[in-house]
PDB file of all heavy atoms in Angstrom:
ATOM      1  N   MET A   1      26.039  -5.379  18.732  1.00  0.00           N
ATOM      2  CA  MET A   1      25.718  -4.877  17.398  1.00  0.00           C
ATOM      3  C   MET A   1      24.849  -5.867  16.635  1.00  0.00           C
ATOM      4  O   MET A   1      23.939  -5.474  15.886  1.00  0.00           O
ATOM      5  CB  MET A   1      27.013  -4.615  16.626  1.00  0.00           C
ATOM      6  CG  MET A   1      26.809  -4.069  15.224  1.00  0.00           C
ATOM      7  SD  MET A   1      28.376  -3.819  14.365  1.00  0.00           S
ATOM      8  CE  MET A   1      27.775  -3.356  12.733  1.00  0.00           C
ATOM      9  N   ALA A   2      25.080  -7.161  16.823  1.00  0.00           N
ATOM     10  CA  ALA A   2      24.298  -8.175  16.126  1.00  0.00           C
ATOM     11  C   ALA A   2      22.824  -8.090  16.493  1.00  0.00           C
ATOM     12  O   ALA A   2      21.952  -8.403  15.676  1.00  0.00           O
ATOM     13  CB  ALA A   2      24.849  -9.564  16.449  1.00  0.00           C
ATOM     14  N   LEU A   3      22.531  -7.657  17.714  1.00  0.00           N
ATOM     15  CA  LEU A   3      21.145  -7.519  18.150  1.00  0.00           C
ATOM     16  C   LEU A   3      20.470  -6.333  17.493  1.00  0.00           C
ATOM     17  O   LEU A   3      19.256  -6.334  17.288  1.00  0.00           O
ATOM     18  CB  LEU A   3      21.079  -7.366  19.676  1.00  0.00           C
ATOM     19  CG  LEU A   3      21.639  -8.528  20.502  1.00  0.00           C
ATOM     20  CD1 LEU A   3      21.608  -8.177  21.989  1.00  0.00           C
ATOM     21  CD2 LEU A   3      20.849  -9.808  20.230  1.00  0.00           C
ATOM     22  N   ASP A   4      21.244  -5.305  17.149  1.00  0.00           N
ATOM     23  CA  ASP A   4      20.689  -4.068  16.589  1.00  0.00           C
ATOM     24  C   ASP A   4      20.606  -4.064  15.071  1.00  0.00           C
ATOM     25  O   ASP A   4      19.853  -3.296  14.491  1.00  0.00           O
ATOM     26  CB  ASP A   4      21.518  -2.862  17.041  1.00  0.00           C
ATOM     27  CG  ASP A   4      21.471  -2.665  18.555  1.00  0.00           C
ATOM     28  OD1 ASP A   4      20.457  -3.032  19.158  1.00  0.00           O
ATOM     29  OD2 ASP A   4      22.455  -2.137  19.113  1.00  0.00           O
ATOM     30  N   CYS A   5      21.440  -4.897  14.432  1.00  0.00           N
ATOM     31  CA  CYS A   5      21.499  -4.857  12.968  1.00  0.00           C
ATOM     32  C   CYS A   5      20.201  -5.382  12.366  1.00  0.00           C
ATOM     33  O   CYS A   5      19.677  -6.415  12.803  1.00  0.00           O
ATOM     34  CB  CYS A   5      22.674  -5.706  12.464  1.00  0.00           C
ATOM     35  SG  CYS A   5      24.276  -4.941  12.722  1.00  0.00           S
ATOM     36  N   PRO A   6      19.682  -4.724  11.348  1.00  0.00           N
ATOM     37  CA  PRO A   6      18.472  -5.219  10.683  1.00  0.00           C
ATOM     38  C   PRO A   6      18.760  -6.472   9.870  1.00  0.00           C
ATOM     39  O   PRO A   6      19.916  -6.749   9.545  1.00  0.00           O
ATOM     40  CB  PRO A   6      18.091  -4.036   9.774  1.00  0.00           C
ATOM     41  CG  PRO A   6      19.376  -3.327   9.520  1.00  0.00           C
ATOM     42  CD  PRO A   6      20.176  -3.476  10.785  1.00  0.00           C
ATOM     43  N   PRO A   7      17.725  -7.242   9.523  1.00  0.00           N
ATOM     44  CA  PRO A   7      17.936  -8.442   8.694  1.00  0.00           C
ATOM     45  C   PRO A   7      18.620  -8.081   7.376  1.00  0.00           C
ATOM     46  O   PRO A   7      18.302  -7.079   6.747  1.00  0.00           O
ATOM     47  CB  PRO A   7      16.511  -8.957   8.463  1.00  0.00           C
ATOM     48  CG  PRO A   7      15.723  -8.417   9.603  1.00  0.00           C
ATOM     49  CD  PRO A   7      16.331  -7.071   9.923  1.00  0.00           C
ATOM     50  N   GLY A   8      19.588  -8.923   7.008  1.00  0.00           N
ATOM     51  CA  GLY A   8      20.309  -8.702   5.766  1.00  0.00           C
ATOM     52  C   GLY A   8      21.448  -7.719   5.862  1.00  0.00           C
ATOM     53  O   GLY A   8      22.074  -7.396   4.858  1.00  0.00           O
ATOM     54  N   SER A   9      21.736  -7.226   7.068  1.00  0.00           N
ATOM     55  CA  SER A   9      22.828  -6.268   7.230  1.00  0.00           C
ATOM     56  C   SER A   9      24.169  -6.976   7.178  1.00  0.00           C
ATOM     57  O   SER A   9      24.254  -8.208   7.156  1.00  0.00           O
ATOM     58  CB  SER A   9      22.682  -5.525   8.555  1.00  0.00           C
ATOM     59  OG  SER A   9      22.838  -6.438   9.639  1.00  0.00           O
ATOM     60  N   ALA A  10      25.231  -6.189   7.160  1.00  0.00           N
ATOM     61  CA  ALA A  10      26.587  -6.758   7.087  1.00  0.00           C
ATOM     62  C   ALA A  10      26.847  -7.656   8.280  1.00  0.00           C
ATOM     63  O   ALA A  10      26.482  -7.351   9.407  1.00  0.00           O
ATOM     64  CB  ALA A  10      27.620  -5.633   7.038  1.00  0.00           C
ATOM     65  N   GLU A  11      27.485  -8.772   8.030  1.00  0.00           N
ATOM     66  CA  GLU A  11      27.809  -9.727   9.086  1.00  0.00           C
ATOM     67  C   GLU A  11      28.777  -9.102  10.092  1.00  0.00           C
ATOM     68  O   GLU A  11      29.859  -8.666   9.713  1.00  0.00           O
ATOM     69  CB  GLU A  11      28.458 -10.964   8.456  1.00  0.00           C
ATOM     70  CG  GLU A  11      29.050 -11.942   9.441  1.00  0.00           C
ATOM     71  CD  GLU A  11      28.013 -12.492  10.380  1.00  0.00           C
ATOM     72  OE1 GLU A  11      27.087 -13.155   9.919  1.00  0.00           O
ATOM     73  OE2 GLU A  11      28.155 -12.233  11.594  1.00  0.00           O
ATOM     74  N   PRO A  12      28.403  -9.032  11.384  1.00  0.00           N
ATOM     75  CA  PRO A  12      29.278  -8.363  12.356  1.00  0.00           C
ATOM     76  C   PRO A  12      30.314  -9.272  12.984  1.00  0.00           C
ATOM     77  O   PRO A  12      31.068  -8.816  13.842  1.00  0.00           O
ATOM     78  CB  PRO A  12      28.278  -7.879  13.421  1.00  0.00           C
ATOM     79  CG  PRO A  12      27.205  -8.913  13.404  1.00  0.00           C
ATOM     80  CD  PRO A  12      27.101  -9.388  11.980  1.00  0.00           C
ATOM     81  N   TRP A  13      30.379 -10.549  12.580  1.00  0.00           N
ATOM     82  CA  TRP A  13      31.253 -11.483  13.290  1.00  0.00           C
ATOM     83  C   TRP A  13      32.545 -11.796  12.536  1.00  0.00           C
ATOM     84  O   TRP A  13      33.632 -11.715  13.096  1.00  0.00           O
ATOM     85  CB  TRP A  13      30.499 -12.786  13.584  1.00  0.00           C
ATOM     86  CG  TRP A  13      29.365 -12.602  14.541  1.00  0.00           C
ATOM     87  CD1 TRP A  13      28.033 -12.573  14.265  1.00  0.00           C
ATOM     88  CD2 TRP A  13      29.472 -12.387  15.954  1.00  0.00           C
ATOM     89  NE1 TRP A  13      27.310 -12.355  15.402  1.00  0.00           N
ATOM     90  CE2 TRP A  13      28.165 -12.245  16.458  1.00  0.00           C
ATOM     91  CE3 TRP A  13      30.554 -12.299  16.839  1.00  0.00           C
ATOM     92  CZ2 TRP A  13      27.895 -12.026  17.802  1.00  0.00           C
ATOM     93  CZ3 TRP A  13      30.294 -12.085  18.183  1.00  0.00           C
ATOM     94  CH2 TRP A  13      28.976 -11.946  18.648  1.00  0.00           C
ATOM     95  N   LEU A  14      32.448 -12.168  11.269  1.00  0.00           N
ATOM     96  CA  LEU A  14      33.647 -12.582  10.540  1.00  0.00           C
ATOM     97  C   LEU A  14      34.745 -11.523  10.495  1.00  0.00           C
ATOM     98  O   LEU A  14      35.927 -11.864  10.530  1.00  0.00           O
ATOM     99  CB  LEU A  14      33.279 -13.016   9.115  1.00  0.00           C
ATOM    100  CG  LEU A  14      32.662 -14.409   8.982  1.00  0.00           C
ATOM    101  CD1 LEU A  14      32.261 -14.675   7.544  1.00  0.00           C
ATOM    102  CD2 LEU A  14      33.638 -15.485   9.466  1.00  0.00           C
ATOM    103  N   PRO A  15      34.405 -10.215  10.408  1.00  0.00           N
ATOM    104  CA  PRO A  15      35.485  -9.223  10.436  1.00  0.00           C
ATOM    105  C   PRO A  15      36.359  -9.283  11.682  1.00  0.00           C
ATOM    106  O   PRO A  15      37.509  -8.856  11.649  1.00  0.00           O
ATOM    107  CB  PRO A  15      34.722  -7.888  10.362  1.00  0.00           C
ATOM    108  CG  PRO A  15      33.473  -8.218   9.638  1.00  0.00           C
ATOM    109  CD  PRO A  15      33.095  -9.596  10.097  1.00  0.00           C
ATOM    110  N   LEU A  16      35.825  -9.834  12.777  1.00  0.00           N
ATOM    111  CA  LEU A  16      36.646  -9.956  13.983  1.00  0.00           C
ATOM    112  C   LEU A  16      37.795 -10.924  13.760  1.00  0.00           C
ATOM    113  O   LEU A  16      38.889 -10.751  14.312  1.00  0.00           O
ATOM    114  CB  LEU A  16      35.788 -10.436  15.158  1.00  0.00           C
ATOM    115  CG  LEU A  16      34.611  -9.545  15.549  1.00  0.00           C
ATOM    116  CD1 LEU A  16      33.947 -10.080  16.801  1.00  0.00           C
ATOM    117  CD2 LEU A  16      35.066  -8.113  15.761  1.00  0.00           C
ATOM    118  N   VAL A  17      37.563 -11.959  12.975  1.00  0.00           N
ATOM    119  CA  VAL A  17      38.633 -12.902  12.657  1.00  0.00           C
ATOM    120  C   VAL A  17      39.694 -12.212  11.818  1.00  0.00           C
ATOM    121  O   VAL A  17      40.899 -12.436  11.994  1.00  0.00           O
ATOM    122  CB  VAL A  17      38.069 -14.143  11.937  1.00  0.00           C
ATOM    123  CG1 VAL A  17      39.181 -15.137  11.630  1.00  0.00           C
ATOM    124  CG2 VAL A  17      36.986 -14.811  12.782  1.00  0.00           C
ATOM    125  N   GLU A  18      39.247 -11.357  10.892  1.00  0.00           N
ATOM    126  CA  GLU A  18      40.203 -10.571  10.112  1.00  0.00           C
ATOM    127  C   GLU A  18      41.031  -9.672  11.030  1.00  0.00           C
ATOM    128  O   GLU A  18      42.242  -9.550  10.875  1.00  0.00           O
ATOM    129  CB  GLU A  18      39.460  -9.716   9.083  1.00  0.00           C
ATOM    130  CG  GLU A  18      38.672 -10.487   8.050  1.00  0.00           C
ATOM    131  CD  GLU A  18      39.544 -11.091   6.961  1.00  0.00           C
ATOM    132  OE1 GLU A  18      40.761 -10.835   6.961  1.00  0.00           O
ATOM    133  OE2 GLU A  18      38.992 -11.798   6.095  1.00  0.00           O
ATOM    134  N   ALA A  19      40.361  -9.042  11.991  1.00  0.00           N
ATOM    135  CA  ALA A  19      41.070  -8.130  12.888  1.00  0.00           C
ATOM    136  C   ALA A  19      42.085  -8.862  13.746  1.00  0.00           C
ATOM    137  O   ALA A  19      43.095  -8.284  14.148  1.00  0.00           O
ATOM    138  CB  ALA A  19      40.073  -7.383  13.774  1.00  0.00           C
ATOM    139  N   SER A  20      41.822 -10.114  14.050  1.00  0.00           N
ATOM    140  CA  SER A  20      42.768 -10.886  14.869  1.00  0.00           C
ATOM    141  C   SER A  20      43.929 -11.429  14.050  1.00  0.00           C
ATOM    142  O   SER A  20      44.901 -11.943  14.608  1.00  0.00           O
ATOM    143  CB  SER A  20      42.041 -12.046  15.566  1.00  0.00           C
ATOM    144  OG  SER A  20      41.653 -13.029  14.621  1.00  0.00           O
ATOM    145  N   GLY A  21      43.830 -11.342  12.709  1.00  0.00           N
ATOM    146  CA  GLY A  21      44.901 -11.818  11.840  1.00  0.00           C
ATOM    147  C   GLY A  21      44.936 -13.317  11.669  1.00  0.00           C
ATOM    148  O   GLY A  21      45.956 -13.869  11.250  1.00  0.00           O
ATOM    149  N   ASP A  22      43.813 -14.003  11.959  1.00  0.00           N
ATOM    150  CA  ASP A  22      43.792 -15.470  11.947  1.00  0.00           C
ATOM    151  C   ASP A  22      42.768 -16.030  10.967  1.00  0.00           C
ATOM    152  O   ASP A  22      42.237 -17.122  11.179  1.00  0.00           O
ATOM    153  CB  ASP A  22      43.490 -16.004  13.357  1.00  0.00           C
ATOM    154  CG  ASP A  22      44.631 -15.796  14.327  1.00  0.00           C
ATOM    155  OD1 ASP A  22      45.783 -16.029  13.930  1.00  0.00           O
ATOM    156  OD2 ASP A  22      44.376 -15.409  15.480  1.00  0.00           O
ATOM    157  N   ARG A  23      42.474 -15.311   9.909  1.00  0.00           N
ATOM    158  CA  ARG A  23      41.418 -15.761   8.986  1.00  0.00           C
ATOM    159  C   ARG A  23      41.752 -17.112   8.353  1.00  0.00           C
ATOM    160  O   ARG A  23      40.881 -17.984   8.216  1.00  0.00           O
ATOM    161  CB  ARG A  23      41.179 -14.708   7.916  1.00  0.00           C
ATOM    162  CG  ARG A  23      40.036 -15.051   6.954  1.00  0.00           C
ATOM    163  CD  ARG A  23      38.710 -15.185   7.699  1.00  0.00           C
ATOM    164  NE  ARG A  23      37.621 -15.637   6.855  1.00  0.00           N
ATOM    165  CZ  ARG A  23      36.775 -14.821   6.250  1.00  0.00           C
ATOM    166  NH1 ARG A  23      36.897 -13.507   6.378  1.00  0.00           N
ATOM    167  NH2 ARG A  23      35.792 -15.306   5.515  1.00  0.00           N
ATOM    168  N   HIS A  24      42.990 -17.325   7.941  1.00  0.00           N
ATOM    169  CA  HIS A  24      43.359 -18.587   7.288  1.00  0.00           C
ATOM    170  C   HIS A  24      43.171 -19.757   8.241  1.00  0.00           C
ATOM    171  O   HIS A  24      42.588 -20.792   7.862  1.00  0.00           O
ATOM    172  CB  HIS A  24      44.801 -18.527   6.791  1.00  0.00           C
ATOM    173  CG  HIS A  24      45.259 -19.792   6.123  1.00  0.00           C
ATOM    174  ND1 HIS A  24      44.742 -20.217   4.919  1.00  0.00           N
ATOM    175  CD2 HIS A  24      46.171 -20.738   6.505  1.00  0.00           C
ATOM    176  CE1 HIS A  24      45.320 -21.358   4.574  1.00  0.00           C
ATOM    177  NE2 HIS A  24      46.186 -21.695   5.513  1.00  0.00           N
ATOM    178  N   ARG A  25      43.633 -19.606   9.479  1.00  0.00           N
ATOM    179  CA  ARG A  25      43.483 -20.673  10.466  1.00  0.00           C
ATOM    180  C   ARG A  25      42.002 -20.949  10.743  1.00  0.00           C
ATOM    181  O   ARG A  25      41.580 -22.096  10.879  1.00  0.00           O
ATOM    182  CB  ARG A  25      44.210 -20.303  11.766  1.00  0.00           C
ATOM    183  CG  ARG A  25      44.146 -21.389  12.829  1.00  0.00           C
ATOM    184  CD  ARG A  25      44.809 -20.952  14.129  1.00  0.00           C
ATOM    185  NE  ARG A  25      46.256 -20.939  14.031  1.00  0.00           N
ATOM    186  CZ  ARG A  25      46.998 -19.857  14.130  1.00  0.00           C
ATOM    187  NH1 ARG A  25      46.434 -18.679  14.326  1.00  0.00           N
ATOM    188  NH2 ARG A  25      48.306 -19.921  14.036  1.00  0.00           N
ATOM    189  N   PHE A  26      41.205 -19.892  10.821  1.00  0.00           N
ATOM    190  CA  PHE A  26      39.782 -20.056  11.088  1.00  0.00           C
ATOM    191  C   PHE A  26      39.086 -20.777   9.934  1.00  0.00           C
ATOM    192  O   PHE A  26      38.269 -21.682  10.157  1.00  0.00           O
ATOM    193  CB  PHE A  26      39.138 -18.684  11.303  1.00  0.00           C
ATOM    194  CG  PHE A  26      37.642 -18.740  11.469  1.00  0.00           C
ATOM    195  CD1 PHE A  26      37.079 -19.111  12.673  1.00  0.00           C
ATOM    196  CD2 PHE A  26      36.808 -18.409  10.401  1.00  0.00           C
ATOM    197  CE1 PHE A  26      35.697 -19.167  12.823  1.00  0.00           C
ATOM    198  CE2 PHE A  26      35.437 -18.453  10.553  1.00  0.00           C
ATOM    199  CZ  PHE A  26      34.883 -18.839  11.765  1.00  0.00           C
ATOM    200  N   ASP A  27      39.384 -20.390   8.698  1.00  0.00           N
ATOM    201  CA  ASP A  27      38.733 -21.015   7.547  1.00  0.00           C
ATOM    202  C   ASP A  27      39.041 -22.502   7.464  1.00  0.00           C
ATOM    203  O   ASP A  27      38.180 -23.305   7.055  1.00  0.00           O
ATOM    204  CB  ASP A  27      39.172 -20.318   6.255  1.00  0.00           C
ATOM    205  CG  ASP A  27      38.553 -18.932   6.111  1.00  0.00           C
ATOM    206  OD1 ASP A  27      37.555 -18.655   6.797  1.00  0.00           O
ATOM    207  OD2 ASP A  27      39.094 -18.124   5.323  1.00  0.00           O
ATOM    208  N   LEU A  28      40.252 -22.885   7.845  1.00  0.00           N
ATOM    209  CA  LEU A  28      40.593 -24.305   7.836  1.00  0.00           C
ATOM    210  C   LEU A  28      39.829 -25.075   8.912  1.00  0.00           C
ATOM    211  O   LEU A  28      39.385 -26.211   8.688  1.00  0.00           O
ATOM    212  CB  LEU A  28      42.103 -24.482   8.047  1.00  0.00           C
ATOM    213  CG  LEU A  28      43.017 -24.034   6.901  1.00  0.00           C
ATOM    214  CD1 LEU A  28      44.473 -24.196   7.288  1.00  0.00           C
ATOM    215  CD2 LEU A  28      42.713 -24.834   5.630  1.00  0.00           C
ATOM    216  N   ALA A  29      39.672 -24.471  10.075  1.00  0.00           N
ATOM    217  CA  ALA A  29      39.027 -25.155  11.199  1.00  0.00           C
ATOM    218  C   ALA A  29      37.501 -25.092  11.119  1.00  0.00           C
ATOM    219  O   ALA A  29      36.823 -26.036  11.539  1.00  0.00           O
ATOM    220  CB  ALA A  29      39.505 -24.557  12.523  1.00  0.00           C
ATOM    221  N   TYR A  30      36.959 -23.992  10.579  1.00  0.00           N
ATOM    222  CA  TYR A  30      35.508 -23.786  10.570  1.00  0.00           C
ATOM    223  C   TYR A  30      35.069 -23.289   9.193  1.00  0.00           C
ATOM    224  O   TYR A  30      34.819 -22.087   9.002  1.00  0.00           O
ATOM    225  CB  TYR A  30      35.102 -22.774  11.643  1.00  0.00           C
ATOM    226  CG  TYR A  30      35.524 -23.143  13.044  1.00  0.00           C
ATOM    227  CD1 TYR A  30      36.651 -22.561  13.626  1.00  0.00           C
ATOM    228  CD2 TYR A  30      34.804 -24.073  13.788  1.00  0.00           C
ATOM    229  CE1 TYR A  30      37.052 -22.900  14.915  1.00  0.00           C
ATOM    230  CE2 TYR A  30      35.187 -24.415  15.072  1.00  0.00           C
ATOM    231  CZ  TYR A  30      36.309 -23.825  15.637  1.00  0.00           C
ATOM    232  OH  TYR A  30      36.696 -24.169  16.902  1.00  0.00           O
ATOM    233  N   PRO A  31      34.956 -24.179   8.211  1.00  0.00           N
ATOM    234  CA  PRO A  31      34.599 -23.743   6.853  1.00  0.00           C
ATOM    235  C   PRO A  31      33.253 -23.021   6.774  1.00  0.00           C
ATOM    236  O   PRO A  31      33.069 -22.144   5.935  1.00  0.00           O
ATOM    237  CB  PRO A  31      34.562 -25.055   6.059  1.00  0.00           C
ATOM    238  CG  PRO A  31      35.404 -26.003   6.858  1.00  0.00           C
ATOM    239  CD  PRO A  31      35.213 -25.619   8.292  1.00  0.00           C
ATOM    240  N   ALA A  32      32.307 -23.373   7.652  1.00  0.00           N
ATOM    241  CA  ALA A  32      30.985 -22.747   7.602  1.00  0.00           C
ATOM    242  C   ALA A  32      31.034 -21.284   8.032  1.00  0.00           C
ATOM    243  O   ALA A  32      30.283 -20.448   7.529  1.00  0.00           O
ATOM    244  CB  ALA A  32      30.001 -23.511   8.489  1.00  0.00           C
ATOM    245  N   GLY A  33      31.902 -20.954   8.971  1.00  0.00           N
ATOM    246  CA  GLY A  33      32.076 -19.573   9.403  1.00  0.00           C
ATOM    247  C   GLY A  33      30.862 -18.965  10.070  1.00  0.00           C
ATOM    248  O   GLY A  33      30.571 -17.778   9.874  1.00  0.00           O
ATOM    249  N   SER A  34      30.172 -19.740  10.878  1.00  0.00           N
ATOM    250  CA  SER A  34      28.973 -19.234  11.541  1.00  0.00           C
ATOM    251  C   SER A  34      29.345 -18.346  12.723  1.00  0.00           C
ATOM    252  O   SER A  34      30.461 -18.425  13.242  1.00  0.00           O
ATOM    253  CB  SER A  34      28.125 -20.403  12.048  1.00  0.00           C
ATOM    254  OG  SER A  34      28.791 -21.082  13.099  1.00  0.00           O
TER     255      SER A  34
END
């Protein structure tokens, strides 16, 4: 999906962390969230 999304489209990656239920742990380990 990231290859198909136009520039400026919704970020297709961070929602996966939400879906895994680990957003708090991720934010502590990777503040940049790339």
